[in-house]
Amino acid sequence: MTEPNSDSKEVRTARYKWTQPQCEICFRRDNPEKEPVRLKSPESERCVTCGLWNQDGIYIRIDPAEAPYPSLLKDPTPTGEMKEDF
């Protein structure tokens, strides 16, 4: 397993997105009473909780400053601002 990102909270909030991929194992552990909603054709992404790569297609909302393995924002706008890709 890789080490969690150690950026400062301010840097992480600016560079990372709030919608994060989570593997089924972590989702079921954190939400035993819920069924996950999944993407039909997910990409391989790293779980925000455990850091393992998966194609489960499950996403959660989490503060990137609190996430052990946050995903970076993609596609900066021409003005240099970052935007989330959904």
Protein backbone atom coordinates (compact mmCIF):
# COMPACT_ATOMS: atom_id res chain seq x y z
CA MET A 1 0.00 0.00 0.00
CA THR A 2 1.25 3.51 -0.77
CA GLU A 3 1.63 6.28 1.79
CA PRO A 4 -1.19 8.85 2.09
CA ASN A 5 -0.54 12.25 0.56
CA SER A 6 1.05 14.60 3.10
CA ASP A 7 0.18 17.99 1.55
CA SER A 8 -1.05 20.71 3.89
CA LYS A 9 -4.82 20.99 4.39
CA GLU A 10 -4.96 24.23 2.35
CA VAL A 11 -3.06 22.73 -0.59
CA ARG A 12 -5.14 19.55 -0.55
CA THR A 13 -8.44 21.47 -0.52
CA ALA A 14 -7.36 23.56 -3.53
CA ARG A 15 -5.93 20.71 -5.66
CA TYR A 16 -8.22 17.78 -4.88
CA LYS A 17 -11.85 17.09 -5.61
CA TRP A 18 -14.68 16.39 -3.17
CA THR A 19 -16.16 13.50 -5.20
CA GLN A 20 -13.84 10.56 -4.63
CA PRO A 21 -13.79 6.90 -5.76
CA GLN A 22 -14.20 4.29 -3.03
CA CYS A 23 -13.86 0.50 -3.34
CA GLU A 24 -16.79 -1.75 -2.50
CA ILE A 25 -15.06 -3.22 0.56
CA CYS A 26 -14.54 0.22 2.14
CA PHE A 27 -18.01 1.43 1.11
CA ARG A 28 -19.74 -1.58 2.70
CA ARG A 29 -17.62 -1.27 5.85
CA ASP A 30 -18.44 2.46 6.18
CA ASN A 31 -22.11 2.15 5.08
CA PRO A 32 -23.41 -1.31 6.07
CA GLU A 33 -27.04 -0.21 5.72
CA LYS A 34 -26.71 1.23 2.18
CA GLU A 35 -26.42 -0.19 -1.33
CA PRO A 36 -23.88 1.67 -3.49
CA VAL A 37 -24.85 3.47 -6.68
CA ARG A 38 -22.35 2.57 -9.41
CA LEU A 39 -21.17 3.89 -12.75
CA LYS A 40 -21.86 1.49 -15.63
CA SER A 41 -18.38 1.74 -17.19
CA PRO A 42 -15.96 2.77 -14.44
CA GLU A 43 -12.30 3.57 -14.93
CA SER A 44 -9.62 2.04 -12.75
CA GLU A 45 -9.16 4.43 -9.83
CA ARG A 46 -7.56 4.41 -6.41
CA CYS A 47 -9.85 4.07 -3.38
CA VAL A 48 -9.93 7.26 -1.31
CA THR A 49 -10.01 5.21 1.91
CA CYS A 50 -7.56 2.32 1.50
CA GLY A 51 -5.53 3.37 -1.56
CA LEU A 52 -6.10 0.16 -3.55
CA TRP A 53 -6.87 0.39 -7.27
CA ASN A 54 -10.33 -0.82 -8.29
CA GLN A 55 -13.07 -0.55 -10.92
CA ASP A 56 -16.05 -0.66 -8.58
CA GLY A 57 -17.55 2.61 -9.89
CA ILE A 58 -18.59 3.83 -6.44
CA TYR A 59 -18.10 7.50 -5.49
CA ILE A 60 -18.52 9.34 -2.22
CA ARG A 61 -18.39 12.98 -1.14
CA ILE A 62 -15.53 13.62 1.28
CA ASP A 63 -13.47 16.63 2.28
CA PRO A 64 -10.18 16.15 0.39
CA ALA A 65 -8.29 17.55 3.37
CA GLU A 66 -9.58 14.62 5.46
CA ALA A 67 -9.17 11.90 2.79
CA PRO A 68 -6.21 9.49 3.13
CA TYR A 69 -5.85 8.97 -0.66
CA PRO A 70 -7.59 11.86 -2.48
CA SER A 71 -7.88 12.06 -6.27
CA LEU A 72 -6.49 15.16 -7.95
CA LEU A 73 -8.70 17.61 -9.79
CA LYS A 74 -8.47 17.22 -13.56
CA ASP A 75 -8.63 19.69 -16.45
CA PRO A 76 -7.69 23.11 -15.15
CA THR A 77 -9.60 25.89 -16.91
CA PRO A 78 -7.69 28.36 -19.15
CA THR A 79 -7.76 30.91 -16.29
CA GLY A 80 -5.83 28.51 -14.09
CA GLU A 81 -8.81 27.70 -11.87
CA MET A 82 -9.42 24.06 -11.11
CA LYS A 83 -12.79 22.45 -11.72
CA GLU A 84 -14.20 19.08 -10.80
CA ASP A 85 -14.82 16.55 -13.54
CA PHE A 86 -17.95 14.47 -13.07
